[in-house]
C-alpha atoms as a PDB file:
ATOM      1  CA  MET A   1       0.000   0.000   0.000  1.00  0.00           C
ATOM      2  CA  HIS A   2       1.306   3.463  -0.894  1.00  0.00           C
ATOM      3  CA  ALA A   3       1.553   6.130   1.773  1.00  0.00           C
ATOM      4  CA  LEU A   4      -0.647   9.146   1.144  1.00  0.00           C
ATOM      5  CA  VAL A   5       1.164  12.210  -0.165  1.00  0.00           C
ATOM      6  CA  ASP A   6       0.046  15.665   0.916  1.00  0.00           C
ATOM      7  CA  PRO A   7       1.356  18.173  -1.672  1.00  0.00           C
ATOM      8  CA  LYS A   8       0.911  21.014   0.819  1.00  0.00           C
ATOM      9  CA  ALA A   9       2.920  19.383   3.605  1.00  0.00           C
ATOM     10  CA  PRO A  10       6.195  21.214   4.426  1.00  0.00           C
ATOM     11  CA  VAL A  11       8.231  18.013   4.158  1.00  0.00           C
ATOM     12  CA  THR A  12       6.854  17.357   0.651  1.00  0.00           C
ATOM     13  CA  ALA A  13       7.730  20.874  -0.495  1.00  0.00           C
ATOM     14  CA  ALA A  14      11.188  20.550   1.043  1.00  0.00           C
ATOM     15  CA  LEU A  15      11.827  17.335  -0.886  1.00  0.00           C
ATOM     16  CA  ILE A  16      10.787  18.914  -4.193  1.00  0.00           C
ATOM     17  CA  GLU A  17      12.909  22.001  -3.532  1.00  0.00           C
ATOM     18  CA  ALA A  18      15.933  19.763  -2.936  1.00  0.00           C
ATOM     19  CA  ILE A  19      15.630  17.964  -6.280  1.00  0.00           C
ATOM     20  CA  GLY A  20      18.516  18.746  -8.619  1.00  0.00           C
ATOM     21  CA  VAL A  21      16.439  18.643 -11.816  1.00  0.00           C
ATOM     22  CA  PRO A  22      13.684  21.097 -12.828  1.00  0.00           C
ATOM     23  CA  ALA A  23      10.560  19.794 -11.079  1.00  0.00           C
ATOM     24  CA  VAL A  24       7.103  21.124 -10.179  1.00  0.00           C
ATOM     25  CA  LEU A  25       4.596  19.670  -7.708  1.00  0.00           C
ATOM     26  CA  LEU A  26       0.906  20.290  -8.426  1.00  0.00           C
ATOM     27  CA  ASP A  27      -1.956  19.733  -6.023  1.00  0.00           C
ATOM     28  CA  PRO A  28      -5.059  17.877  -7.306  1.00  0.00           C
ATOM     29  CA  GLN A  29      -6.471  21.194  -8.566  1.00  0.00           C
ATOM     30  CA  GLY A  30      -3.390  21.873 -10.714  1.00  0.00           C
ATOM     31  CA  VAL A  31      -1.974  24.642  -8.516  1.00  0.00           C
ATOM     32  CA  ILE A  32       1.807  24.788  -8.050  1.00  0.00           C
ATOM     33  CA  GLN A  33       2.644  23.848  -4.453  1.00  0.00           C
ATOM     34  CA  ALA A  34       6.419  23.500  -4.748  1.00  0.00           C
ATOM     35  CA  LEU A  35       9.146  23.730  -7.356  1.00  0.00           C
ATOM     36  CA  SER A  36      12.835  22.979  -7.502  1.00  0.00           C
ATOM     37  CA  PRO A  37      15.272  25.928  -7.758  1.00  0.00           C
ATOM     38  CA  THR A  38      16.131  25.078 -11.372  1.00  0.00           C
ATOM     39  CA  ALA A  39      12.531  25.108 -12.623  1.00  0.00           C
ATOM     40  CA  PRO A  40      12.042  28.916 -12.925  1.00  0.00           C
ATOM     41  CA  ALA A  41      15.293  29.140 -14.897  1.00  0.00           C
ATOM     42  CA  LEU A  42      13.632  26.937 -17.508  1.00  0.00           C
ATOM     43  CA  VAL A  43      10.163  28.547 -17.471  1.00  0.00           C
ATOM     44  CA  THR A  44      10.396  31.968 -15.852  1.00  0.00           C
ATOM     45  CA  ALA A  45       6.679  32.383 -15.065  1.00  0.00           C
ATOM     46  CA  LEU A  46       6.564  29.315 -12.793  1.00  0.00           C
ATOM     47  CA  ALA A  47       5.755  30.362  -9.227  1.00  0.00           C
ATOM     48  CA  LYS A  48       4.286  28.788  -6.116  1.00  0.00           C
ATOM     49  CA  GLY A  49       0.549  29.341  -5.797  1.00  0.00           C
ATOM     50  CA  LYS A  50      -0.082  29.790  -9.535  1.00  0.00           C
ATOM     51  CA  PRO A  51      -2.302  27.409 -11.505  1.00  0.00           C
ATOM     52  CA  LEU A  52      -0.011  25.726 -14.026  1.00  0.00           C
ATOM     53  CA  ALA A  53      -2.644  26.146 -16.755  1.00  0.00           C
ATOM     54  CA  LEU A  54      -2.162  29.931 -16.559  1.00  0.00           C
ATOM     55  CA  VAL A  55       1.609  29.617 -16.973  1.00  0.00           C
ATOM     56  CA  MET A  56       1.896  26.881 -19.597  1.00  0.00           C
ATOM     57  CA  ARG A  57      -1.127  26.949 -21.893  1.00  0.00           C
ATOM     58  CA  ASP A  58      -0.288  23.999 -24.107  1.00  0.00           C
ATOM     59  CA  PRO A  59      -3.498  21.912 -24.548  1.00  0.00           C
ATOM     60  CA  ASP A  60      -1.646  18.582 -24.841  1.00  0.00           C
ATOM     61  CA  LEU A  61       0.227  19.231 -21.599  1.00  0.00           C
ATOM     62  CA  ILE A  62      -2.895  20.283 -19.687  1.00  0.00           C
ATOM     63  CA  ASP A  63      -4.809  17.250 -20.976  1.00  0.00           C
ATOM     64  CA  ALA A  64      -1.988  14.856 -20.019  1.00  0.00           C
ATOM     65  CA  ILE A  65      -1.842  16.308 -16.487  1.00  0.00           C
ATOM     66  CA  GLU A  66      -5.618  15.944 -16.185  1.00  0.00           C
ATOM     67  CA  GLN A  67      -5.507  12.294 -17.282  1.00  0.00           C
ATOM     68  CA  VAL A  68      -2.670  11.410 -14.917  1.00  0.00           C
ATOM     69  CA  SER A  69      -4.313  13.242 -12.008  1.00  0.00           C
ATOM     70  CA  ARG A  70      -7.568  11.337 -12.536  1.00  0.00           C
ATOM     71  CA  HIS A  71      -6.367   7.893 -13.558  1.00  0.00           C
ATOM     72  CA  GLY A  72      -2.803   7.681 -12.224  1.00  0.00           C
ATOM     73  CA  GLY A  73       0.196   6.347 -14.102  1.00  0.00           C
ATOM     74  CA  ARG A  74       2.783   8.299 -16.081  1.00  0.00           C
ATOM     75  CA  ARG A  75       2.850  10.333 -19.282  1.00  0.00           C
ATOM     76  CA  ALA A  76       5.434  12.331 -21.219  1.00  0.00           C
ATOM     77  CA  VAL A  77       4.732  15.367 -23.388  1.00  0.00           C
ATOM     78  CA  GLU A  78       7.110  17.212 -25.703  1.00  0.00           C
ATOM     79  CA  LEU A  79       6.543  20.955 -25.662  1.00  0.00           C
ATOM     80  CA  ILE A  80       8.010  23.821 -27.704  1.00  0.00           C
ATOM     81  CA  GLU A  81       8.165  27.286 -26.112  1.00  0.00           C
ATOM     82  CA  ARG A  82       8.839  30.026 -28.680  1.00  0.00           C
ATOM     83  CA  VAL A  83       9.255  33.084 -26.404  1.00  0.00           C
ATOM     84  CA  PRO A  84      11.726  34.676 -25.708  1.00  0.00           C
ATOM     85  CA  VAL A  85      13.656  32.102 -27.780  1.00  0.00           C
ATOM     86  CA  GLU A  86      12.638  28.682 -29.047  1.00  0.00           C
ATOM     87  CA  ARG A  87      13.144  25.931 -26.464  1.00  0.00           C
ATOM     88  CA  THR A  88      12.061  22.295 -26.503  1.00  0.00           C
ATOM     89  CA  PHE A  89      11.171  20.335 -23.362  1.00  0.00           C
ATOM     90  CA  ARG A  90      10.093  16.817 -22.594  1.00  0.00           C
ATOM     91  CA  ILE A  91       7.874  16.982 -19.527  1.00  0.00           C
ATOM     92  CA  HIS A  92       7.478  13.772 -17.528  1.00  0.00           C
ATOM     93  CA  ILE A  93       4.189  13.604 -15.610  1.00  0.00           C
ATOM     94  CA  ALA A  94       3.691  11.198 -12.703  1.00  0.00           C
ATOM     95  CA  ALA A  95       0.813  10.788 -10.266  1.00  0.00           C
ATOM     96  CA  LEU A  96       1.607  10.680  -6.571  1.00  0.00           C
ATOM     97  CA  ALA A  97      -0.195   8.229  -4.295  1.00  0.00           C
ATOM     98  CA  GLY A  98      -3.223   9.801  -2.669  1.00  0.00           C
ATOM     99  CA  SER A  99      -6.920   9.549  -1.981  1.00  0.00           C
ATOM    100  CA  GLY A 100      -9.921  11.030  -3.765  1.00  0.00           C
ATOM    101  CA  TRP A 101     -10.832  11.124  -7.433  1.00  0.00           C
ATOM    102  CA  ARG A 102      -7.835  13.298  -8.331  1.00  0.00           C
ATOM    103  CA  ARG A 103      -4.193  12.971  -7.322  1.00  0.00           C
ATOM    104  CA  ALA A 104      -1.299  15.342  -6.847  1.00  0.00           C
ATOM    105  CA  VAL A 105       1.063  15.335  -9.823  1.00  0.00           C
ATOM    106  CA  LEU A 106       4.832  15.693 -10.135  1.00  0.00           C
ATOM    107  CA  LEU A 107       6.296  17.217 -13.307  1.00  0.00           C
ATOM    108  CA  THR A 108       9.960  16.883 -14.190  1.00  0.00           C
ATOM    109  CA  PHE A 109      11.429  18.810 -17.123  1.00  0.00           C
ATOM    110  CA  GLU A 110      14.042  17.576 -19.579  1.00  0.00           C
ATOM    111  CA  ASP A 111      15.541  20.361 -21.714  1.00  0.00           C
ATOM    112  CA  LEU A 112      15.947  19.088 -25.284  1.00  0.00           C
ATOM    113  CA  SER A 113      16.710  22.510 -26.785  1.00  0.00           C
ATOM    114  CA  GLU A 114      20.386  21.913 -27.468  1.00  0.00           C
ATOM    115  CA  GLN A 115      19.761  18.435 -28.883  1.00  0.00           C
ATOM    116  CA  ARG A 116      17.010  19.647 -31.248  1.00  0.00           C
ATOM    117  CA  MET A 117      19.025  22.701 -32.273  1.00  0.00           C
ATOM    118  CA  THR A 118      22.064  20.551 -33.024  1.00  0.00           C
ATOM    119  CA  GLU A 119      19.978  18.251 -35.225  1.00  0.00           C
ATOM    120  CA  ARG A 120      18.460  21.196 -37.103  1.00  0.00           C
ATOM    121  CA  MET A 121      21.796  22.972 -37.458  1.00  0.00           C
ATOM    122  CA  ARG A 122      23.452  19.874 -38.904  1.00  0.00           C
ATOM    123  CA  VAL A 123      20.809  19.695 -41.633  1.00  0.00           C
ATOM    124  CA  ASP A 124      20.878  23.471 -42.259  1.00  0.00           C
ATOM    125  CA  PHE A 125      24.670  23.607 -42.349  1.00  0.00           C
ATOM    126  CA  VAL A 126      24.953  20.882 -44.981  1.00  0.00           C
ATOM    127  CA  ALA A 127      22.168  22.403 -47.103  1.00  0.00           C
ATOM    128  CA  ASN A 128      23.503  25.964 -46.889  1.00  0.00           C
ATOM    129  CA  ALA A 129      27.142  25.033 -47.386  1.00  0.00           C
ATOM    130  CA  SER A 130      26.468  22.806 -50.381  1.00  0.00           C
ATOM    131  CA  HIS A 131      24.292  25.472 -52.031  1.00  0.00           C
ATOM    132  CA  GLU A 132      26.579  28.461 -51.439  1.00  0.00           C
ATOM    133  CA  LEU A 133      29.872  26.674 -52.101  1.00  0.00           C
ATOM    134  CA  ARG A 134      28.707  25.253 -55.427  1.00  0.00           C
ATOM    135  CA  THR A 135      29.315  28.469 -57.429  1.00  0.00           C
ATOM    136  CA  PRO A 136      32.841  29.320 -56.223  1.00  0.00           C
ATOM    137  CA  LEU A 137      33.879  25.664 -56.441  1.00  0.00           C
ATOM    138  CA  ALA A 138      32.627  25.460 -60.027  1.00  0.00           C
ATOM    139  CA  SER A 139      34.537  28.655 -60.800  1.00  0.00           C
ATOM    140  CA  VAL A 140      37.789  27.301 -59.348  1.00  0.00           C
ATOM    141  CA  LEU A 141      37.417  23.983 -61.182  1.00  0.00           C
ATOM    142  CA  GLY A 142      36.751  25.834 -64.431  1.00  0.00           C
ATOM    143  CA  PHE A 143      39.942  27.862 -64.082  1.00  0.00           C
ATOM    144  CA  VAL A 144      41.931  24.727 -63.226  1.00  0.00           C
ATOM    145  CA  GLU A 145      40.732  23.073 -66.438  1.00  0.00           C
ATOM    146  CA  THR A 146      41.640  26.202 -68.430  1.00  0.00           C
ATOM    147  CA  LEU A 147      45.116  26.307 -66.881  1.00  0.00           C
ATOM    148  CA  GLN A 148      45.613  22.649 -67.736  1.00  0.00           C
ATOM    149  CA  GLY A 149      44.506  23.269 -71.323  1.00  0.00           C
ATOM    150  CA  PRO A 150      44.386  26.461 -73.434  1.00  0.00           C
ATOM    151  CA  ALA A 151      46.179  28.707 -70.922  1.00  0.00           C
ATOM    152  CA  ARG A 152      48.901  26.214 -70.010  1.00  0.00           C
ATOM    153  CA  ASN A 153      51.681  28.330 -71.523  1.00  0.00           C
ATOM    154  CA  ASP A 154      50.041  31.769 -71.181  1.00  0.00           C
ATOM    155  CA  ALA A 155      51.821  33.479 -68.267  1.00  0.00           C
ATOM    156  CA  VAL A 156      49.511  36.520 -68.234  1.00  0.00           C
ATOM    157  CA  ALA A 157      46.335  34.410 -68.214  1.00  0.00           C
ATOM    158  CA  ARG A 158      47.833  32.091 -65.597  1.00  0.00           C
ATOM    159  CA  ASP A 159      48.545  34.959 -63.186  1.00  0.00           C
ATOM    160  CA  ARG A 160      45.067  36.429 -63.697  1.00  0.00           C
ATOM    161  CA  PHE A 161      43.331  33.083 -63.177  1.00  0.00           C
ATOM    162  CA  LEU A 162      45.399  32.285 -60.079  1.00  0.00           C
ATOM    163  CA  THR A 163      44.403  35.653 -58.588  1.00  0.00           C
ATOM    164  CA  ILE A 164      40.722  34.914 -59.225  1.00  0.00           C
ATOM    165  CA  MET A 165      41.084  31.404 -57.788  1.00  0.00           C
ATOM    166  CA  ARG A 166      42.659  32.837 -54.642  1.00  0.00           C
ATOM    167  CA  GLU A 167      39.756  35.287 -54.258  1.00  0.00           C
ATOM    168  CA  GLN A 168      37.239  32.462 -54.669  1.00  0.00           C
ATOM    169  CA  GLY A 169      39.129  30.368 -52.120  1.00  0.00           C
ATOM    170  CA  LEU A 170      39.066  33.238 -49.627  1.00  0.00           C
ATOM    171  CA  ARG A 171      35.352  33.688 -50.267  1.00  0.00           C
ATOM    172  CA  MET A 172      34.727  30.015 -49.472  1.00  0.00           C
ATOM    173  CA  ALA A 173      36.804  30.304 -46.290  1.00  0.00           C
ATOM    174  CA  ARG A 174      34.781  33.361 -45.169  1.00  0.00           C
ATOM    175  CA  LEU A 175      31.558  31.529 -45.916  1.00  0.00           C
ATOM    176  CA  VAL A 176      32.529  28.468 -43.871  1.00  0.00           C
ATOM    177  CA  ASP A 177      33.686  30.711 -41.003  1.00  0.00           C
ATOM    178  CA  ASP A 178      30.368  32.592 -41.001  1.00  0.00           C
ATOM    179  CA  LEU A 179      28.340  29.373 -41.164  1.00  0.00           C
ATOM    180  CA  LEU A 180      30.238  27.971 -38.180  1.00  0.00           C
ATOM    181  CA  SER A 181      29.830  31.237 -36.241  1.00  0.00           C
ATOM    182  CA  LEU A 182      26.089  31.265 -36.890  1.00  0.00           C
ATOM    183  CA  SER A 183      25.798  27.623 -35.829  1.00  0.00           C
ATOM    184  CA  ARG A 184      27.625  28.286 -32.548  1.00  0.00           C
ATOM    185  CA  ILE A 185      25.395  31.275 -31.745  1.00  0.00           C
ATOM    186  CA  GLU A 186      22.206  29.336 -32.531  1.00  0.00           C
ATOM    187  CA  LEU A 187      23.383  26.414 -30.407  1.00  0.00           C
ATOM    188  CA  ARG A 188      23.562  28.702 -27.349  1.00  0.00           C
ATOM    189  CA  ALA A 189      20.413  30.717 -28.146  1.00  0.00           C
ATOM    190  CA  HIS A 190      18.550  29.378 -25.097  1.00  0.00           C
ATOM    191  CA  LEU A 191      21.396  30.364 -22.730  1.00  0.00           C
ATOM    192  CA  ALA A 192      21.200  34.078 -21.988  1.00  0.00           C
ATOM    193  CA  PRO A 193      24.688  35.589 -21.407  1.00  0.00           C
ATOM    194  CA  GLU A 194      25.384  36.834 -17.880  1.00  0.00           C
ATOM    195  CA  THR A 195      28.840  38.493 -18.011  1.00  0.00           C
ATOM    196  CA  PRO A 196      28.929  42.317 -17.599  1.00  0.00           C
ATOM    197  CA  VAL A 197      30.078  43.939 -20.870  1.00  0.00           C
ATOM    198  CA  ASP A 198      30.576  47.657 -21.566  1.00  0.00           C
ATOM    199  CA  LEU A 199      29.072  48.577 -24.949  1.00  0.00           C
ATOM    200  CA  ALA A 200      31.031  51.837 -25.116  1.00  0.00           C
ATOM    201  CA  SER A 201      34.276  49.883 -24.762  1.00  0.00           C
ATOM    202  CA  ILE A 202      33.118  47.464 -27.488  1.00  0.00           C
ATOM    203  CA  ALA A 203      32.431  50.359 -29.863  1.00  0.00           C
ATOM    204  CA  ARG A 204      35.840  51.976 -29.268  1.00  0.00           C
ATOM    205  CA  GLU A 205      37.650  48.667 -29.793  1.00  0.00           C
ATOM    206  CA  ILE A 206      35.889  47.980 -33.104  1.00  0.00           C
ATOM    207  CA  LEU A 207      36.528  51.496 -34.379  1.00  0.00           C
ATOM    208  CA  ASP A 208      40.234  51.104 -33.654  1.00  0.00           C
ATOM    209  CA  SER A 209      40.321  47.779 -35.510  1.00  0.00           C
ATOM    210  CA  LEU A 210      38.513  49.114 -38.609  1.00  0.00           C
ATOM    211  CA  VAL A 211      40.408  52.382 -39.072  1.00  0.00           C
ATOM    212  CA  LEU A 212      42.478  51.001 -41.976  1.00  0.00           C
ATOM    213  CA  MET A 213      39.428  49.597 -43.749  1.00  0.00           C
ATOM    214  CA  ALA A 214      37.672  52.956 -43.431  1.00  0.00           C
ATOM    215  CA  ARG A 215      40.771  54.779 -44.653  1.00  0.00           C
ATOM    216  CA  GLU A 216      40.861  52.665 -47.835  1.00  0.00           C
ATOM    217  CA  ARG A 217      37.389  53.978 -48.715  1.00  0.00           C
ATOM    218  CA  GLU A 218      38.126  57.451 -47.324  1.00  0.00           C
ATOM    219  CA  VAL A 219      35.314  56.999 -44.808  1.00  0.00           C
ATOM    220  CA  THR A 220      35.214  58.967 -41.549  1.00  0.00           C
ATOM    221  CA  LEU A 221      34.211  56.983 -38.459  1.00  0.00           C
ATOM    222  CA  LYS A 222      32.400  59.093 -35.866  1.00  0.00           C
ATOM    223  CA  LEU A 223      31.659  57.748 -32.371  1.00  0.00           C
ATOM    224  CA  ASP A 224      29.129  59.205 -29.939  1.00  0.00           C
ATOM    225  CA  ALA A 225      29.322  57.328 -26.638  1.00  0.00           C
ATOM    226  CA  PRO A 226      29.168  58.308 -22.953  1.00  0.00           C
ATOM    227  CA  GLN A 227      32.346  58.261 -20.885  1.00  0.00           C
ATOM    228  CA  GLN A 228      30.765  56.095 -18.195  1.00  0.00           C
ATOM    229  CA  PRO A 229      30.283  52.372 -18.875  1.00  0.00           C
ATOM    230  CA  VAL A 230      27.093  51.262 -20.636  1.00  0.00           C
ATOM    231  CA  THR A 231      26.797  47.789 -19.164  1.00  0.00           C
ATOM    232  CA  VAL A 232      24.751  44.857 -20.427  1.00  0.00           C
ATOM    233  CA  ALA A 233      24.764  41.159 -19.558  1.00  0.00           C
ATOM    234  CA  GLY A 234      26.523  39.786 -22.588  1.00  0.00           C
ATOM    235  CA  ASP A 235      29.011  37.624 -24.400  1.00  0.00           C
ATOM    236  CA  ARG A 236      31.892  39.961 -25.221  1.00  0.00           C
ATOM    237  CA  ASP A 237      33.092  38.055 -28.293  1.00  0.00           C
ATOM    238  CA  GLU A 238      29.587  37.941 -29.762  1.00  0.00           C
ATOM    239  CA  LEU A 239      28.998  41.652 -29.139  1.00  0.00           C
ATOM    240  CA  LEU A 240      32.329  42.457 -30.795  1.00  0.00           C
ATOM    241  CA  ARG A 241      31.215  40.384 -33.796  1.00  0.00           C
ATOM    242  CA  LEU A 242      27.851  42.170 -33.878  1.00  0.00           C
ATOM    243  CA  MET A 243      29.488  45.602 -33.852  1.00  0.00           C
ATOM    244  CA  GLU A 244      32.143  44.579 -36.372  1.00  0.00           C
ATOM    245  CA  ASN A 245      29.544  43.249 -38.829  1.00  0.00           C
ATOM    246  CA  LEU A 246      27.429  46.407 -38.641  1.00  0.00           C
ATOM    247  CA  VAL A 247      30.349  48.834 -38.995  1.00  0.00           C
ATOM    248  CA  GLU A 248      31.982  46.801 -41.791  1.00  0.00           C
ATOM    249  CA  ASN A 249      28.691  46.814 -43.711  1.00  0.00           C
ATOM    250  CA  ALA A 250      28.347  50.565 -43.247  1.00  0.00           C
ATOM    251  CA  ILE A 251      31.882  51.129 -44.580  1.00  0.00           C
ATOM    252  CA  LYS A 252      31.391  48.762 -47.545  1.00  0.00           C
ATOM    253  CA  TYR A 253      27.971  49.981 -48.649  1.00  0.00           C
ATOM    254  CA  GLY A 254      28.142  53.641 -47.613  1.00  0.00           C
ATOM    255  CA  GLN A 255      29.490  56.366 -49.864  1.00  0.00           C
ATOM    256  CA  ARG A 256      33.193  56.485 -50.645  1.00  0.00           C
ATOM    257  CA  GLY A 257      34.480  59.528 -48.787  1.00  0.00           C
ATOM    258  CA  GLY A 258      31.366  59.536 -46.600  1.00  0.00           C
ATOM    259  CA  GLU A 259      30.753  59.160 -42.871  1.00  0.00           C
ATOM    260  CA  VAL A 260      29.713  56.267 -40.646  1.00  0.00           C
ATOM    261  CA  GLY A 261      28.169  57.242 -37.319  1.00  0.00           C
ATOM    262  CA  ILE A 262      28.258  54.920 -34.316  1.00  0.00           C
ATOM    263  CA  THR A 263      26.146  55.776 -31.272  1.00  0.00           C
ATOM    264  CA  VAL A 264      26.031  54.093 -27.870  1.00  0.00           C
ATOM    265  CA  ALA A 265      23.084  55.320 -25.801  1.00  0.00           C
ATOM    266  CA  ILE A 266      21.064  54.630 -22.662  1.00  0.00           C
ATOM    267  CA  SER A 267      17.278  54.838 -22.470  1.00  0.00           C
ATOM    268  CA  GLY A 268      15.738  53.747 -19.178  1.00  0.00           C
ATOM    269  CA  GLU A 269      16.421  50.052 -18.646  1.00  0.00           C
ATOM    270  CA  GLU A 270      17.801  49.587 -22.170  1.00  0.00           C
ATOM    271  CA  ALA A 271      21.067  50.299 -23.952  1.00  0.00           C
ATOM    272  CA  SER A 272      21.513  50.627 -27.690  1.00  0.00           C
ATOM    273  CA  LEU A 273      24.245  50.335 -30.308  1.00  0.00           C
ATOM    274  CA  SER A 274      23.438  52.213 -33.521  1.00  0.00           C
ATOM    275  CA  VAL A 275      25.370  52.304 -36.791  1.00  0.00           C
ATOM    276  CA  ARG A 276      24.371  54.841 -39.451  1.00  0.00           C
ATOM    277  CA  ASP A 277      25.693  55.029 -43.012  1.00  0.00           C
ATOM    278  CA  ASP A 278      25.155  57.490 -45.867  1.00  0.00           C
ATOM    279  CA  GLY A 279      24.764  54.884 -48.599  1.00  0.00           C
ATOM    280  CA  PRO A 280      22.009  54.475 -51.193  1.00  0.00           C
ATOM    281  CA  GLY A 281      19.470  53.313 -48.625  1.00  0.00           C
ATOM    282  CA  ILE A 282      17.276  50.228 -48.737  1.00  0.00           C
ATOM    283  CA  ALA A 283      13.872  49.984 -50.393  1.00  0.00           C
ATOM    284  CA  PRO A 284      11.003  49.194 -47.967  1.00  0.00           C
ATOM    285  CA  GLU A 285      10.230  45.810 -49.546  1.00  0.00           C
ATOM    286  CA  HIS A 286      13.714  44.542 -48.651  1.00  0.00           C
ATOM    287  CA  LEU A 287      13.745  45.594 -44.973  1.00  0.00           C
ATOM    288  CA  PRO A 288      11.775  42.640 -43.502  1.00  0.00           C
ATOM    289  CA  ARG A 289      14.087  40.108 -45.185  1.00  0.00           C
ATOM    290  CA  LEU A 290      17.509  41.661 -44.561  1.00  0.00           C
ATOM    291  CA  THR A 291      18.356  39.325 -41.677  1.00  0.00           C
ATOM    292  CA  GLU A 292      17.494  36.133 -43.574  1.00  0.00           C
ATOM    293  CA  ARG A 293      20.413  33.851 -44.414  1.00  0.00           C
ATOM    294  CA  PHE A 294      21.927  34.638 -47.810  1.00  0.00           C
ATOM    295  CA  TYR A 295      19.396  37.376 -48.592  1.00  0.00           C
ATOM    296  CA  ARG A 296      21.063  40.126 -50.603  1.00  0.00           C
ATOM    297  CA  VAL A 297      19.526  43.379 -51.875  1.00  0.00           C
ATOM    298  CA  ASP A 298      22.190  43.548 -54.609  1.00  0.00           C
ATOM    299  CA  THR A 299      23.831  40.151 -55.071  1.00  0.00           C
ATOM    300  CA  ALA A 300      26.632  41.370 -57.331  1.00  0.00           C
ATOM    301  CA  ALA A 301      27.529  44.330 -55.099  1.00  0.00           C
ATOM    302  CA  SER A 302      27.480  42.134 -51.992  1.00  0.00           C
ATOM    303  CA  ARG A 303      29.837  39.547 -53.463  1.00  0.00           C
ATOM    304  CA  GLU A 304      32.095  42.232 -54.913  1.00  0.00           C
ATOM    305  CA  ALA A 305      32.377  43.708 -51.416  1.00  0.00           C
ATOM    306  CA  GLY A 306      33.321  40.287 -50.028  1.00  0.00           C
ATOM    307  CA  GLY A 307      29.997  39.596 -48.332  1.00  0.00           C
ATOM    308  CA  THR A 308      28.798  36.067 -47.570  1.00  0.00           C
ATOM    309  CA  GLY A 309      25.132  36.957 -47.101  1.00  0.00           C
ATOM    310  CA  LEU A 310      25.293  35.864 -43.445  1.00  0.00           C
ATOM    311  CA  GLY A 311      26.473  39.025 -41.671  1.00  0.00           C
ATOM    312  CA  LEU A 312      23.054  40.384 -40.682  1.00  0.00           C
ATOM    313  CA  ALA A 313      21.746  36.891 -39.856  1.00  0.00           C
ATOM    314  CA  ILE A 314      24.619  36.609 -37.371  1.00  0.00           C
ATOM    315  CA  VAL A 315      23.768  40.062 -35.967  1.00  0.00           C
ATOM    316  CA  LYS A 316      20.103  39.101 -35.535  1.00  0.00           C
ATOM    317  CA  HIS A 317      20.882  35.863 -33.695  1.00  0.00           C
ATOM    318  CA  ILE A 318      23.378  37.578 -31.390  1.00  0.00           C
ATOM    319  CA  VAL A 319      20.750  40.195 -30.506  1.00  0.00           C
ATOM    320  CA  LEU A 320      18.131  37.494 -29.864  1.00  0.00           C
ATOM    321  CA  ARG A 321      20.500  35.514 -27.640  1.00  0.00           C
ATOM    322  CA  HIS A 322      21.042  38.700 -25.612  1.00  0.00           C
ATOM    323  CA  ARG A 323      17.228  39.021 -25.259  1.00  0.00           C
ATOM    324  CA  GLY A 324      17.244  42.231 -27.282  1.00  0.00           C
ATOM    325  CA  ARG A 325      15.796  43.440 -30.558  1.00  0.00           C
ATOM    326  CA  LEU A 326      17.180  44.749 -33.847  1.00  0.00           C
ATOM    327  CA  THR A 327      15.642  47.674 -35.721  1.00  0.00           C
ATOM    328  CA  ILE A 328      16.484  48.811 -39.258  1.00  0.00           C
ATOM    329  CA  GLU A 329      15.503  52.244 -40.543  1.00  0.00           C
ATOM    330  CA  SER A 330      16.194  53.419 -44.067  1.00  0.00           C
ATOM    331  CA  VAL A 331      15.033  55.869 -46.712  1.00  0.00           C
ATOM    332  CA  VAL A 332      16.150  55.309 -50.292  1.00  0.00           C
ATOM    333  CA  GLY A 333      18.873  57.821 -51.089  1.00  0.00           C
ATOM    334  CA  GLN A 334      19.443  58.712 -47.423  1.00  0.00           C
ATOM    335  CA  GLY A 335      21.372  55.780 -45.973  1.00  0.00           C
ATOM    336  CA  ALA A 336      20.363  53.309 -43.278  1.00  0.00           C
ATOM    337  CA  THR A 337      20.544  52.958 -39.493  1.00  0.00           C
ATOM    338  CA  PHE A 338      20.899  49.585 -37.764  1.00  0.00           C
ATOM    339  CA  ARG A 339      20.176  49.615 -34.029  1.00  0.00           C
ATOM    340  CA  ALA A 340      20.680  46.771 -31.533  1.00  0.00           C
ATOM    341  CA  ILE A 341      18.673  47.390 -28.350  1.00  0.00           C
ATOM    342  CA  LEU A 342      19.660  45.296 -25.322  1.00  0.00           C
ATOM    343  CA  PRO A 343      18.543  45.113 -21.671  1.00  0.00           C
ATOM    344  CA  ARG A 344      20.894  47.047 -19.392  1.00  0.00           C
ATOM    345  CA  LEU A 345      22.609  45.384 -16.467  1.00  0.00           C
ATOM    346  CA  LEU A 346      21.388  47.636 -13.662  1.00  0.00           C
ATOM    347  CA  GLU A 347      23.084  48.170 -10.311  1.00  0.00           C
ATOM    348  CA  PRO A 348      21.090  46.521  -7.498  1.00  0.00           C
ATOM    349  CA  THR A 349      19.107  49.046  -5.458  1.00  0.00           C
ATOM    350  CA  ARG A 350      19.889  49.334  -1.779  1.00  0.00           C
END
């Protein structure tokens, strides 16, 4: 005979709170009576005293809990949460011994996000790499055949073809590097960064590193940032990559001899990084698709500038991982402004 379990008893709550895995104890009415410390990190709205149906509104989950509470036994439900980032859970549901027509229920959560993301990324990586590498590979192979045949003894043609082959090889290397970077960022999308990072320092570092590139196009880099730190919870390497991608794009696609403006600002509980160029601007129909993988407004101009078509996709995923948002404003003929808005890391109040 099973001992009766009272979900409201202090000893029961203490046992649940000591569990090392994400777990939630529901009373027979579906109200949260106890939860392990790791549970709110998985689903932030979980709290003692709340009906679970108000926190997690998935019909399959609610129905499975109802069936287990009434009839006993065990069930497992796979659930996808899409806000703030996509996460996949397997929730194990077990009835606890008790009396009455409904039983208390224990939920334990298994985070499958990384596993599912890895599976999806493997498929995406192969598809994207094979599609995007096909053209430069065909170009290189074509030049090799020419060098082995008609141009075998033509020194001028040989030098020109070798230069083009080197450029295509570098393009493929950049593409693979960007694909790997994007995969790494997506793999960690469900893990919000926690390290304090100063956005003003990031901006100054990137400007210093891109001075030569700007000088080649006679572009002036102008920074507007406060002297005091503008701190966010972030991944420093990813934020450097974000800033580098935006400023590089502004230099490449802005006017030769023009100006690129970089602004770091604070607004309430948010901080922003803005990059403004004076290029040709972007037509409204292109704006919603700019952060898609391999989407290019002008394919020829992008490839001529050395772009892989992944720079803004990388920016978008970095912003999402930092629980922020990306805005793009542009008027044709008047340039464009890209702004990453991130939650500030505020000093605790005393």
